[in-house]
Amino acid sequence: MTPATLAAYSVLAVYSAMAVYVLAFIAFALDLSKRSAIAQSASAGAQAPASLSRATTGTSGAAKTAVLDRAAPPAVPTSSTVAGRASRFQRTAYALVIVGWVVHVTALVLRGVASGRVPWSDLYEFVMTGTAIMVGVFIFVQLWRDVKFLGAYITAIVVLLLGLASVNFYVPVGPLNPALQSVWLVIHVFVATLGTGFFAVGGGLSIAQLLQTRREMGGLARVPFLATFPASEVLENIAYRVIVVGFAFWTFTLMAGAIWAERAWGRYWGWDTKEVWTFIIWVTFAGYIHARATRGWRGSRSAWLAIIGFTAVMFNFTVVNLFFKGLHAYTGL
C-alpha cells in the first residue's frame, strides 16, 4: 500500500472519528436534557410536601409532626441519584467517545506510517494528535473520577478543532524540515500535547465549578442539570489535581523545548512568539498552584485563574500558530 493511499485512509478515518464524536456530543446533550427534566421533577416533588405542611397549621401536634416528616426530602436531588436515573444517554455517549477515539488514533497511526515518522510535524498533524490526547485524557480520568458530565464540552472542542484543521490546514505527507529531524520532536511535542489535554479537562472542571458555585448561591435556576453535578468544592479539588498533572508535563515541555532550541538554533531562549506564550502559560498555572497552596485561594478566584490559563493554552494552540510569525511558524508547534 502506497503512502498516498495510507494518507487517504487516514483522512477518511479523521472524518469518521468526527462523525462519531458528533453523535457522542448529541447523546451527551440529551443526557444533560434528561438530567434537567429529572432534577425539575424531583424539585417539584420535594416542594409539594412543604406546601402540605403549611396547610396543616392548626391541626393536632401529632398530625403536624407526621406531615413535617413527609416534607423532609431536600428540594434539590443529589447528583448520584439523578445521574443514575439519567445514565442511558450517558452510557451511549461514552461508548461512542471510545469508538471515536479508537478511529481517531487509527487515523494518527495511518498518517505516521504514510509519512514514516511521528505524526505531529505540521499544524494539521499537531491538531490531530492534540485532540486525540484530549479525548484520551478524558477517558483516562474516568479511571479515577467520573467526569462524564464534561462529555459535551470535550466533544465540542475536539470536533471544532478537527474540523478547522481538516478544512484549512491539511497538507500532504512530506519530508521533515531539517530542524525537526531530532528525537526531541517525539519528546517535546508529545509531552506538550499531554499537558494540553490535562489543561483542557481542568478548564472544563473549572467552568463547571463556577456555574455550580453560582447555582449554590441561588442563581442559574434555569440550568437545573447543574443539580446533578458534584458540589463546587469537589469540582475544584478534581480540577486542581488534574491541572497539577498538566503543569508537570508543561514544565517538562518548557525545558525540553529549550534543549531542542539549543540543538537546532544554537540558543536555549530567543524570545520567539511560541516560546514566550509557552512561558506565559507556565507562569499562569504556576501562579494558580502557588496561590491556591500558599495564599488560600479557593472558590471562584482559583477557578478564574485556571480558566485564564486554559484560554492562554487555546490562544497558543490557535491564534499564535496562525497569525504570529517566528521560528516555529513552519511547524505549527
C-alpha atoms as a PDB file:
ATOM      1  CA  MET A   1       0.000   0.000   0.000  1.00  0.00           C
ATOM      2  CA  THR A   2       1.452   3.348  -1.057  1.00  0.00           C
ATOM      3  CA  PRO A   3       1.948   6.321   1.294  1.00  0.00           C
ATOM      4  CA  ALA A   4      -0.660   8.272  -0.666  1.00  0.00           C
ATOM      5  CA  THR A   5      -3.228   5.520  -0.113  1.00  0.00           C
ATOM      6  CA  LEU A   6      -2.433   5.336   3.602  1.00  0.00           C
ATOM      7  CA  ALA A   7      -2.745   9.113   3.858  1.00  0.00           C
ATOM      8  CA  ALA A   8      -6.137   8.958   2.124  1.00  0.00           C
ATOM      9  CA  TYR A   9      -7.337   6.292   4.570  1.00  0.00           C
ATOM     10  CA  SER A  10      -6.078   8.497   7.397  1.00  0.00           C
ATOM     11  CA  VAL A  11      -8.211  11.391   6.164  1.00  0.00           C
ATOM     12  CA  LEU A  12     -11.210   9.079   5.905  1.00  0.00           C
ATOM     13  CA  ALA A  13     -10.618   7.910   9.464  1.00  0.00           C
ATOM     14  CA  VAL A  14     -10.421  11.512  10.703  1.00  0.00           C
ATOM     15  CA  TYR A  15     -13.792  12.370   9.171  1.00  0.00           C
ATOM     16  CA  SER A  16     -15.250   9.130  10.528  1.00  0.00           C
ATOM     17  CA  ALA A  17     -13.985   9.992  14.024  1.00  0.00           C
ATOM     18  CA  MET A  18     -15.528  13.451  13.733  1.00  0.00           C
ATOM     19  CA  ALA A  19     -18.888  11.899  12.793  1.00  0.00           C
ATOM     20  CA  VAL A  20     -18.770   9.586  15.819  1.00  0.00           C
ATOM     21  CA  TYR A  21     -17.792  12.493  18.099  1.00  0.00           C
ATOM     22  CA  VAL A  22     -20.769  14.489  16.797  1.00  0.00           C
ATOM     23  CA  LEU A  23     -23.072  11.589  17.676  1.00  0.00           C
ATOM     24  CA  ALA A  24     -21.456  11.442  21.114  1.00  0.00           C
ATOM     25  CA  PHE A  25     -21.998  15.178  21.585  1.00  0.00           C
ATOM     26  CA  ILE A  26     -25.692  14.779  20.731  1.00  0.00           C
ATOM     27  CA  ALA A  27     -26.029  11.902  23.209  1.00  0.00           C
ATOM     28  CA  PHE A  28     -24.264  13.905  25.935  1.00  0.00           C
ATOM     29  CA  ALA A  29     -26.576  16.850  25.232  1.00  0.00           C
ATOM     30  CA  LEU A  30     -29.612  14.557  25.509  1.00  0.00           C
ATOM     31  CA  ASP A  31     -28.215  13.268  28.793  1.00  0.00           C
ATOM     32  CA  LEU A  32     -27.992  16.822  30.147  1.00  0.00           C
ATOM     33  CA  SER A  33     -31.549  17.475  28.960  1.00  0.00           C
ATOM     34  CA  LYS A  34     -32.775  14.333  30.689  1.00  0.00           C
ATOM     35  CA  ARG A  35     -30.936  15.317  33.857  1.00  0.00           C
ATOM     36  CA  SER A  36     -32.647  18.726  33.756  1.00  0.00           C
ATOM     37  CA  ALA A  37     -36.078  17.117  33.455  1.00  0.00           C
ATOM     38  CA  ILE A  38     -35.425  14.723  36.344  1.00  0.00           C
ATOM     39  CA  ALA A  39     -33.971  17.498  38.526  1.00  0.00           C
ATOM     40  CA  GLN A  40     -37.023  19.701  37.899  1.00  0.00           C
ATOM     41  CA  SER A  41     -39.390  16.829  38.607  1.00  0.00           C
ATOM     42  CA  ALA A  42     -37.587  15.902  41.833  1.00  0.00           C
ATOM     43  CA  SER A  43     -37.517  19.522  42.962  1.00  0.00           C
ATOM     44  CA  ALA A  44     -41.228  19.946  42.309  1.00  0.00           C
ATOM     45  CA  GLY A  45     -41.961  16.694  44.153  1.00  0.00           C
ATOM     46  CA  ALA A  46     -39.998  17.891  47.164  1.00  0.00           C
ATOM     47  CA  GLN A  47     -41.819  21.210  47.307  1.00  0.00           C
ATOM     48  CA  ALA A  48     -45.262  19.604  47.396  1.00  0.00           C
ATOM     49  CA  PRO A  49     -44.965  18.161  50.941  1.00  0.00           C
ATOM     50  CA  ALA A  50     -43.743  21.553  52.147  1.00  0.00           C
ATOM     51  CA  SER A  51     -46.942  23.160  50.847  1.00  0.00           C
ATOM     52  CA  LEU A  52     -48.970  20.438  52.511  1.00  0.00           C
ATOM     53  CA  SER A  53     -47.238  21.087  55.839  1.00  0.00           C
ATOM     54  CA  ARG A  54     -48.174  24.767  55.709  1.00  0.00           C
ATOM     55  CA  ALA A  55     -51.778  23.802  55.044  1.00  0.00           C
ATOM     56  CA  THR A  56     -51.974  21.781  58.252  1.00  0.00           C
ATOM     57  CA  THR A  57     -51.445  24.747  60.597  1.00  0.00           C
ATOM     58  CA  GLY A  58     -53.946  24.421  63.439  1.00  0.00           C
ATOM     59  CA  THR A  59     -54.189  20.638  63.315  1.00  0.00           C
ATOM     60  CA  SER A  60     -53.136  18.403  66.174  1.00  0.00           C
ATOM     61  CA  GLY A  61     -49.442  18.285  67.102  1.00  0.00           C
ATOM     62  CA  ALA A  62     -49.172  14.625  66.128  1.00  0.00           C
ATOM     63  CA  ALA A  63     -50.664  15.225  62.680  1.00  0.00           C
ATOM     64  CA  LYS A  64     -48.417  18.239  62.123  1.00  0.00           C
ATOM     65  CA  THR A  65     -45.333  16.219  63.059  1.00  0.00           C
ATOM     66  CA  ALA A  66     -46.323  13.483  60.606  1.00  0.00           C
ATOM     67  CA  VAL A  67     -46.726  15.951  57.757  1.00  0.00           C
ATOM     68  CA  LEU A  68     -43.435  17.681  58.525  1.00  0.00           C
ATOM     69  CA  ASP A  69     -41.728  14.310  58.398  1.00  0.00           C
ATOM     70  CA  ARG A  70     -43.148  13.863  54.913  1.00  0.00           C
ATOM     71  CA  ALA A  71     -41.604  17.215  53.944  1.00  0.00           C
ATOM     72  CA  ALA A  72     -38.096  16.031  54.789  1.00  0.00           C
ATOM     73  CA  PRO A  73     -36.751  15.268  51.253  1.00  0.00           C
ATOM     74  CA  PRO A  74     -34.456  18.051  50.016  1.00  0.00           C
ATOM     75  CA  ALA A  75     -35.564  20.435  47.299  1.00  0.00           C
ATOM     76  CA  VAL A  76     -32.590  19.558  45.138  1.00  0.00           C
ATOM     77  CA  PRO A  77     -31.777  15.924  44.306  1.00  0.00           C
ATOM     78  CA  THR A  78     -28.298  14.572  44.805  1.00  0.00           C
ATOM     79  CA  SER A  79     -26.004  14.196  41.821  1.00  0.00           C
ATOM     80  CA  SER A  80     -25.616  10.434  42.234  1.00  0.00           C
ATOM     81  CA  THR A  81     -29.377   9.828  42.335  1.00  0.00           C
ATOM     82  CA  VAL A  82     -30.151  11.846  39.243  1.00  0.00           C
ATOM     83  CA  ALA A  83     -27.076  10.636  37.347  1.00  0.00           C
ATOM     84  CA  GLY A  84     -28.126   7.037  37.911  1.00  0.00           C
ATOM     85  CA  ARG A  85     -31.615   7.696  36.577  1.00  0.00           C
ATOM     86  CA  ALA A  86     -30.296   9.551  33.539  1.00  0.00           C
ATOM     87  CA  SER A  87     -27.428   7.269  32.614  1.00  0.00           C
ATOM     88  CA  ARG A  88     -28.780   5.653  29.435  1.00  0.00           C
ATOM     89  CA  PHE A  89     -27.801   8.538  27.155  1.00  0.00           C
ATOM     90  CA  GLN A  90     -24.554   8.996  29.052  1.00  0.00           C
ATOM     91  CA  ARG A  91     -23.518   5.367  28.639  1.00  0.00           C
ATOM     92  CA  THR A  92     -24.262   5.544  24.926  1.00  0.00           C
ATOM     93  CA  ALA A  93     -22.330   8.789  24.574  1.00  0.00           C
ATOM     94  CA  TYR A  94     -19.313   7.474  26.434  1.00  0.00           C
ATOM     95  CA  ALA A  95     -19.255   4.306  24.330  1.00  0.00           C
ATOM     96  CA  LEU A  96     -19.327   6.496  21.212  1.00  0.00           C
ATOM     97  CA  VAL A  97     -16.421   8.548  22.576  1.00  0.00           C
ATOM     98  CA  ILE A  98     -14.336   5.392  22.964  1.00  0.00           C
ATOM     99  CA  VAL A  99     -15.220   4.230  19.440  1.00  0.00           C
ATOM    100  CA  GLY A 100     -14.428   7.684  18.037  1.00  0.00           C
ATOM    101  CA  TRP A 101     -11.126   7.767  19.896  1.00  0.00           C
ATOM    102  CA  VAL A 102     -10.078   4.364  18.509  1.00  0.00           C
ATOM    103  CA  VAL A 103     -10.848   5.555  14.974  1.00  0.00           C
ATOM    104  CA  HIS A 104      -9.045   8.826  15.721  1.00  0.00           C
ATOM    105  CA  VAL A 105      -5.909   7.019  16.900  1.00  0.00           C
ATOM    106  CA  THR A 106      -6.108   4.791  13.813  1.00  0.00           C
ATOM    107  CA  ALA A 107      -6.035   7.932  11.673  1.00  0.00           C
ATOM    108  CA  LEU A 108      -2.893   9.063  13.509  1.00  0.00           C
ATOM    109  CA  VAL A 109      -1.184   5.704  13.030  1.00  0.00           C
ATOM    110  CA  LEU A 110      -2.013   5.650   9.313  1.00  0.00           C
ATOM    111  CA  ARG A 111      -0.672   9.188   8.910  1.00  0.00           C
ATOM    112  CA  GLY A 112       2.518   8.227  10.741  1.00  0.00           C
ATOM    113  CA  VAL A 113       3.051   5.094   8.660  1.00  0.00           C
ATOM    114  CA  ALA A 114       2.392   7.027   5.459  1.00  0.00           C
ATOM    115  CA  SER A 115       4.986   9.675   6.360  1.00  0.00           C
ATOM    116  CA  GLY A 116       7.470   7.315   8.004  1.00  0.00           C
ATOM    117  CA  ARG A 117       7.709   9.465  11.149  1.00  0.00           C
ATOM    118  CA  VAL A 118       5.717  10.600  14.162  1.00  0.00           C
ATOM    119  CA  PRO A 119       2.522  12.357  13.019  1.00  0.00           C
ATOM    120  CA  TRP A 120       2.928  15.788  14.616  1.00  0.00           C
ATOM    121  CA  SER A 121       5.337  17.779  12.467  1.00  0.00           C
ATOM    122  CA  ASP A 122       2.859  20.290  10.984  1.00  0.00           C
ATOM    123  CA  LEU A 123      -0.229  22.113  12.218  1.00  0.00           C
ATOM    124  CA  TYR A 124      -2.685  19.601  10.758  1.00  0.00           C
ATOM    125  CA  GLU A 125      -0.917  16.687  12.413  1.00  0.00           C
ATOM    126  CA  PHE A 126      -0.453  18.599  15.661  1.00  0.00           C
ATOM    127  CA  VAL A 127      -4.205  19.251  15.906  1.00  0.00           C
ATOM    128  CA  MET A 128      -4.900  15.584  15.125  1.00  0.00           C
ATOM    129  CA  THR A 129      -2.544  14.494  17.888  1.00  0.00           C
ATOM    130  CA  GLY A 130      -3.593  17.158  20.384  1.00  0.00           C
ATOM    131  CA  THR A 131      -7.314  16.396  20.069  1.00  0.00           C
ATOM    132  CA  ALA A 132      -6.686  12.641  20.284  1.00  0.00           C
ATOM    133  CA  ILE A 133      -4.784  13.173  23.533  1.00  0.00           C
ATOM    134  CA  MET A 134      -7.553  15.467  24.827  1.00  0.00           C
ATOM    135  CA  VAL A 135     -10.053  12.661  24.390  1.00  0.00           C
ATOM    136  CA  GLY A 136      -7.552  10.135  25.764  1.00  0.00           C
ATOM    137  CA  VAL A 137      -7.085  12.197  28.938  1.00  0.00           C
ATOM    138  CA  PHE A 138     -10.869  12.493  29.300  1.00  0.00           C
ATOM    139  CA  ILE A 139     -11.143   8.684  29.071  1.00  0.00           C
ATOM    140  CA  PHE A 140      -8.168   8.159  31.395  1.00  0.00           C
ATOM    141  CA  VAL A 141      -9.551  10.425  34.123  1.00  0.00           C
ATOM    142  CA  GLN A 142     -12.660   8.208  34.282  1.00  0.00           C
ATOM    143  CA  LEU A 143     -10.453   5.570  35.926  1.00  0.00           C
ATOM    144  CA  TRP A 144     -10.067   7.955  38.863  1.00  0.00           C
ATOM    145  CA  ARG A 145     -13.221  10.099  38.959  1.00  0.00           C
ATOM    146  CA  ASP A 146     -16.429  10.133  36.964  1.00  0.00           C
ATOM    147  CA  VAL A 147     -16.317  13.320  34.868  1.00  0.00           C
ATOM    148  CA  LYS A 148     -18.601  12.175  32.050  1.00  0.00           C
ATOM    149  CA  PHE A 149     -20.694  15.291  32.644  1.00  0.00           C
ATOM    150  CA  LEU A 150     -17.902  17.108  30.743  1.00  0.00           C
ATOM    151  CA  GLY A 151     -18.554  14.972  27.662  1.00  0.00           C
ATOM    152  CA  ALA A 152     -20.441  17.619  25.673  1.00  0.00           C
ATOM    153  CA  TYR A 153     -17.697  20.169  26.384  1.00  0.00           C
ATOM    154  CA  ILE A 154     -14.845  17.829  25.340  1.00  0.00           C
ATOM    155  CA  THR A 155     -16.507  16.502  22.189  1.00  0.00           C
ATOM    156  CA  ALA A 156     -17.489  20.017  21.082  1.00  0.00           C
ATOM    157  CA  ILE A 157     -13.902  21.293  21.357  1.00  0.00           C
ATOM    158  CA  VAL A 158     -12.496  18.243  19.572  1.00  0.00           C
ATOM    159  CA  VAL A 159     -14.960  18.403  16.674  1.00  0.00           C
ATOM    160  CA  LEU A 160     -14.377  22.137  16.175  1.00  0.00           C
ATOM    161  CA  LEU A 161     -10.592  21.814  16.186  1.00  0.00           C
ATOM    162  CA  LEU A 162     -10.544  18.723  13.967  1.00  0.00           C
ATOM    163  CA  GLY A 163     -12.929  20.352  11.515  1.00  0.00           C
ATOM    164  CA  LEU A 164     -10.842  23.523  11.390  1.00  0.00           C
ATOM    165  CA  ALA A 165      -7.627  21.571  10.837  1.00  0.00           C
ATOM    166  CA  SER A 166      -9.094  19.234   8.220  1.00  0.00           C
ATOM    167  CA  VAL A 167     -10.575  22.033   6.127  1.00  0.00           C
ATOM    168  CA  ASN A 168      -7.890  24.701   6.455  1.00  0.00           C
ATOM    169  CA  PHE A 169      -4.573  23.120   7.434  1.00  0.00           C
ATOM    170  CA  TYR A 170      -4.359  19.806   5.642  1.00  0.00           C
ATOM    171  CA  VAL A 171      -1.054  19.220   3.858  1.00  0.00           C
ATOM    172  CA  PRO A 172       0.130  16.093   2.032  1.00  0.00           C
ATOM    173  CA  VAL A 173       2.678  13.925   3.786  1.00  0.00           C
ATOM    174  CA  GLY A 174       6.236  15.024   3.136  1.00  0.00           C
ATOM    175  CA  PRO A 175       9.785  15.004   4.493  1.00  0.00           C
ATOM    176  CA  LEU A 176      10.691  16.719   7.749  1.00  0.00           C
ATOM    177  CA  ASN A 177      12.291  20.125   7.936  1.00  0.00           C
ATOM    178  CA  PRO A 178      15.960  19.635   8.992  1.00  0.00           C
ATOM    179  CA  ALA A 179      15.357  21.371  12.341  1.00  0.00           C
ATOM    180  CA  LEU A 180      12.689  18.780  13.146  1.00  0.00           C
ATOM    181  CA  GLN A 181      14.881  15.773  12.441  1.00  0.00           C
ATOM    182  CA  SER A 182      15.540  15.153  16.113  1.00  0.00           C
ATOM    183  CA  VAL A 183      14.419  12.840  18.869  1.00  0.00           C
ATOM    184  CA  TRP A 184      13.167  15.967  20.631  1.00  0.00           C
ATOM    185  CA  LEU A 185      10.329  16.155  18.100  1.00  0.00           C
ATOM    186  CA  VAL A 186       8.987  12.952  19.618  1.00  0.00           C
ATOM    187  CA  ILE A 187       9.528  14.015  23.229  1.00  0.00           C
ATOM    188  CA  HIS A 188       8.844  17.752  23.295  1.00  0.00           C
ATOM    189  CA  VAL A 189       5.692  17.852  21.184  1.00  0.00           C
ATOM    190  CA  PHE A 190       4.123  14.717  22.635  1.00  0.00           C
ATOM    191  CA  VAL A 191       4.572  15.946  26.212  1.00  0.00           C
ATOM    192  CA  ALA A 192       3.190  19.367  25.215  1.00  0.00           C
ATOM    193  CA  THR A 193       0.038  17.752  23.863  1.00  0.00           C
ATOM    194  CA  LEU A 194      -0.276  15.700  27.058  1.00  0.00           C
ATOM    195  CA  GLY A 195      -0.169  18.895  29.097  1.00  0.00           C
ATOM    196  CA  THR A 196      -2.756  20.481  26.801  1.00  0.00           C
ATOM    197  CA  GLY A 197      -5.089  17.514  27.288  1.00  0.00           C
ATOM    198  CA  PHE A 198      -4.961  17.762  31.077  1.00  0.00           C
ATOM    199  CA  PHE A 199      -5.406  21.545  30.953  1.00  0.00           C
ATOM    200  CA  ALA A 200      -8.494  21.058  28.749  1.00  0.00           C
ATOM    201  CA  VAL A 201     -10.137  18.757  31.298  1.00  0.00           C
ATOM    202  CA  GLY A 202      -9.086  21.049  34.163  1.00  0.00           C
ATOM    203  CA  GLY A 203     -10.510  24.072  32.345  1.00  0.00           C
ATOM    204  CA  GLY A 204     -13.838  22.314  31.834  1.00  0.00           C
ATOM    205  CA  LEU A 205     -13.992  21.368  35.502  1.00  0.00           C
ATOM    206  CA  SER A 206     -13.256  24.976  36.494  1.00  0.00           C
ATOM    207  CA  ILE A 207     -16.061  26.255  34.258  1.00  0.00           C
ATOM    208  CA  ALA A 208     -18.413  23.718  35.838  1.00  0.00           C
ATOM    209  CA  GLN A 209     -17.193  24.841  39.277  1.00  0.00           C
ATOM    210  CA  LEU A 210     -18.070  28.483  38.567  1.00  0.00           C
ATOM    211  CA  LEU A 211     -21.539  27.544  37.334  1.00  0.00           C
ATOM    212  CA  GLN A 212     -22.123  25.253  40.300  1.00  0.00           C
ATOM    213  CA  THR A 213     -20.991  27.942  42.741  1.00  0.00           C
ATOM    214  CA  ARG A 214     -23.496  30.364  41.291  1.00  0.00           C
ATOM    215  CA  ARG A 215     -26.271  27.755  41.497  1.00  0.00           C
ATOM    216  CA  GLU A 216     -25.403  27.027  45.128  1.00  0.00           C
ATOM    217  CA  MET A 217     -25.762  30.749  45.837  1.00  0.00           C
ATOM    218  CA  GLY A 218     -29.305  30.724  44.476  1.00  0.00           C
ATOM    219  CA  GLY A 219     -28.693  31.557  40.820  1.00  0.00           C
ATOM    220  CA  LEU A 220     -28.965  29.734  37.491  1.00  0.00           C
ATOM    221  CA  ALA A 221     -32.436  28.373  38.248  1.00  0.00           C
ATOM    222  CA  ARG A 222     -32.909  27.842  34.515  1.00  0.00           C
ATOM    223  CA  VAL A 223     -29.995  25.370  34.370  1.00  0.00           C
ATOM    224  CA  PRO A 224     -31.374  22.536  36.525  1.00  0.00           C
ATOM    225  CA  PHE A 225     -28.930  19.893  35.258  1.00  0.00           C
ATOM    226  CA  LEU A 226     -26.258  21.549  37.419  1.00  0.00           C
ATOM    227  CA  ALA A 227     -28.033  19.958  40.383  1.00  0.00           C
ATOM    228  CA  THR A 228     -26.734  16.616  39.085  1.00  0.00           C
ATOM    229  CA  PHE A 229     -23.084  17.760  39.075  1.00  0.00           C
ATOM    230  CA  PRO A 230     -20.784  17.313  42.081  1.00  0.00           C
ATOM    231  CA  ALA A 231     -20.596  20.183  44.567  1.00  0.00           C
ATOM    232  CA  SER A 232     -18.413  23.147  43.623  1.00  0.00           C
ATOM    233  CA  GLU A 233     -15.788  22.231  46.230  1.00  0.00           C
ATOM    234  CA  VAL A 234     -15.500  18.716  44.800  1.00  0.00           C
ATOM    235  CA  LEU A 235     -15.173  20.088  41.269  1.00  0.00           C
ATOM    236  CA  GLU A 236     -12.460  22.474  42.448  1.00  0.00           C
ATOM    237  CA  ASN A 237     -10.436  19.686  44.065  1.00  0.00           C
ATOM    238  CA  ILE A 238     -10.646  17.468  40.978  1.00  0.00           C
ATOM    239  CA  ALA A 239      -9.674  20.386  38.734  1.00  0.00           C
ATOM    240  CA  TYR A 240      -6.675  21.199  40.902  1.00  0.00           C
ATOM    241  CA  ARG A 241      -5.318  17.664  40.762  1.00  0.00           C
ATOM    242  CA  VAL A 242      -5.814  17.388  37.001  1.00  0.00           C
ATOM    243  CA  ILE A 243      -4.135  20.763  36.417  1.00  0.00           C
ATOM    244  CA  VAL A 244      -1.164  19.821  38.618  1.00  0.00           C
ATOM    245  CA  VAL A 245      -0.525  16.820  36.340  1.00  0.00           C
ATOM    246  CA  GLY A 246      -0.819  19.056  33.280  1.00  0.00           C
ATOM    247  CA  PHE A 247       1.565  21.565  34.854  1.00  0.00           C
ATOM    248  CA  ALA A 248       4.184  18.855  35.389  1.00  0.00           C
ATOM    249  CA  PHE A 249       4.003  17.944  31.701  1.00  0.00           C
ATOM    250  CA  TRP A 250       4.123  21.615  30.687  1.00  0.00           C
ATOM    251  CA  THR A 251       7.210  22.212  32.831  1.00  0.00           C
ATOM    252  CA  PHE A 252       8.973  19.379  31.045  1.00  0.00           C
ATOM    253  CA  THR A 253       7.757  20.844  27.725  1.00  0.00           C
ATOM    254  CA  LEU A 254       9.426  24.158  28.531  1.00  0.00           C
ATOM    255  CA  MET A 255      12.713  22.512  29.498  1.00  0.00           C
ATOM    256  CA  ALA A 256      12.738  20.089  26.562  1.00  0.00           C
ATOM    257  CA  GLY A 257      11.946  22.936  24.178  1.00  0.00           C
ATOM    258  CA  ALA A 258      14.936  24.914  25.435  1.00  0.00           C
ATOM    259  CA  ILE A 259      17.239  21.928  24.957  1.00  0.00           C
ATOM    260  CA  TRP A 260      15.887  21.314  21.451  1.00  0.00           C
ATOM    261  CA  ALA A 261      16.247  25.006  20.583  1.00  0.00           C
ATOM    262  CA  GLU A 262      19.910  24.911  21.563  1.00  0.00           C
ATOM    263  CA  ARG A 263      20.461  21.848  19.371  1.00  0.00           C
ATOM    264  CA  ALA A 264      18.555  23.280  16.394  1.00  0.00           C
ATOM    265  CA  TRP A 265      19.291  27.016  16.553  1.00  0.00           C
ATOM    266  CA  GLY A 266      22.262  27.344  18.887  1.00  0.00           C
ATOM    267  CA  ARG A 267      20.470  29.086  21.773  1.00  0.00           C
ATOM    268  CA  TYR A 268      18.246  27.999  24.642  1.00  0.00           C
ATOM    269  CA  TRP A 269      15.962  31.036  24.523  1.00  0.00           C
ATOM    270  CA  GLY A 270      15.308  33.534  21.758  1.00  0.00           C
ATOM    271  CA  TRP A 271      12.036  35.303  22.610  1.00  0.00           C
ATOM    272  CA  ASP A 272      10.271  33.603  19.742  1.00  0.00           C
ATOM    273  CA  THR A 273       6.489  34.153  19.942  1.00  0.00           C
ATOM    274  CA  LYS A 274       5.791  30.500  20.638  1.00  0.00           C
ATOM    275  CA  GLU A 275       8.458  30.361  23.324  1.00  0.00           C
ATOM    276  CA  VAL A 276       7.045  33.451  25.020  1.00  0.00           C
ATOM    277  CA  TRP A 277       3.490  32.081  25.077  1.00  0.00           C
ATOM    278  CA  THR A 278       4.681  28.726  26.374  1.00  0.00           C
ATOM    279  CA  PHE A 279       6.336  30.592  29.247  1.00  0.00           C
ATOM    280  CA  ILE A 280       3.227  32.740  29.846  1.00  0.00           C
ATOM    281  CA  ILE A 281       1.137  29.579  30.180  1.00  0.00           C
ATOM    282  CA  TRP A 282       3.673  28.110  32.589  1.00  0.00           C
ATOM    283  CA  VAL A 283       3.681  31.268  34.746  1.00  0.00           C
ATOM    284  CA  THR A 284      -0.127  31.405  34.794  1.00  0.00           C
ATOM    285  CA  PHE A 285      -0.530  27.854  36.052  1.00  0.00           C
ATOM    286  CA  ALA A 286       2.416  28.221  38.430  1.00  0.00           C
ATOM    287  CA  GLY A 287       0.597  31.219  39.884  1.00  0.00           C
ATOM    288  CA  TYR A 288      -2.611  29.179  40.112  1.00  0.00           C
ATOM    289  CA  ILE A 289      -0.899  26.380  42.049  1.00  0.00           C
ATOM    290  CA  HIS A 290       1.080  28.779  44.263  1.00  0.00           C
ATOM    291  CA  ALA A 291      -1.918  30.992  45.091  1.00  0.00           C
ATOM    292  CA  ARG A 292      -4.078  28.015  45.965  1.00  0.00           C
ATOM    293  CA  ALA A 293      -1.394  26.322  48.066  1.00  0.00           C
ATOM    294  CA  THR A 294       0.056  29.300  49.966  1.00  0.00           C
ATOM    295  CA  ARG A 295      -2.450  32.147  49.697  1.00  0.00           C
ATOM    296  CA  GLY A 296      -5.531  30.102  50.362  1.00  0.00           C
ATOM    297  CA  TRP A 297      -7.176  30.989  47.076  1.00  0.00           C
ATOM    298  CA  ARG A 298     -10.313  28.893  46.853  1.00  0.00           C
ATOM    299  CA  GLY A 299     -13.582  29.077  45.024  1.00  0.00           C
ATOM    300  CA  SER A 300     -14.156  31.456  42.147  1.00  0.00           C
ATOM    301  CA  ARG A 301     -10.723  33.116  42.242  1.00  0.00           C
ATOM    302  CA  SER A 302      -8.833  29.883  41.649  1.00  0.00           C
ATOM    303  CA  ALA A 303     -11.377  28.781  39.015  1.00  0.00           C
ATOM    304  CA  TRP A 304     -10.972  32.024  37.062  1.00  0.00           C
ATOM    305  CA  LEU A 305      -7.190  31.695  37.158  1.00  0.00           C
ATOM    306  CA  ALA A 306      -7.422  28.136  35.811  1.00  0.00           C
ATOM    307  CA  ILE A 307      -9.760  29.292  33.037  1.00  0.00           C
ATOM    308  CA  ILE A 308      -7.403  32.148  32.127  1.00  0.00           C
ATOM    309  CA  GLY A 309      -4.585  29.607  31.902  1.00  0.00           C
ATOM    310  CA  PHE A 310      -6.554  27.320  29.604  1.00  0.00           C
ATOM    311  CA  THR A 311      -7.588  30.306  27.492  1.00  0.00           C
ATOM    312  CA  ALA A 312      -3.881  31.088  27.055  1.00  0.00           C
ATOM    313  CA  VAL A 313      -3.317  27.454  26.020  1.00  0.00           C
ATOM    314  CA  MET A 314      -6.036  27.688  23.361  1.00  0.00           C
ATOM    315  CA  PHE A 315      -4.698  31.059  22.201  1.00  0.00           C
ATOM    316  CA  ASN A 316      -1.274  29.474  21.817  1.00  0.00           C
ATOM    317  CA  PHE A 317      -2.836  26.454  20.117  1.00  0.00           C
ATOM    318  CA  THR A 318      -4.757  28.527  17.534  1.00  0.00           C
ATOM    319  CA  VAL A 319      -4.064  32.259  17.176  1.00  0.00           C
ATOM    320  CA  VAL A 320      -0.297  32.116  17.782  1.00  0.00           C
ATOM    321  CA  ASN A 321       0.054  29.252  15.301  1.00  0.00           C
ATOM    322  CA  LEU A 322      -1.966  31.054  12.637  1.00  0.00           C
ATOM    323  CA  PHE A 323      -1.125  34.738  12.875  1.00  0.00           C
ATOM    324  CA  PHE A 324       2.269  35.130  14.543  1.00  0.00           C
ATOM    325  CA  LYS A 325       5.483  34.591  12.637  1.00  0.00           C
ATOM    326  CA  GLY A 326       8.551  33.049  14.178  1.00  0.00           C
ATOM    327  CA  LEU A 327      10.914  30.117  14.124  1.00  0.00           C
ATOM    328  CA  HIS A 328       8.017  27.757  14.902  1.00  0.00           C
ATOM    329  CA  ALA A 329       5.901  29.000  12.003  1.00  0.00           C
ATOM    330  CA  TYR A 330       6.823  26.222   9.611  1.00  0.00           C
ATOM    331  CA  THR A 331       5.859  23.510  12.094  1.00  0.00           C
ATOM    332  CA  GLY A 332       2.767  24.935  13.721  1.00  0.00           C
ATOM    333  CA  LEU A 333       4.145  23.722  17.040  1.00  0.00           C
END
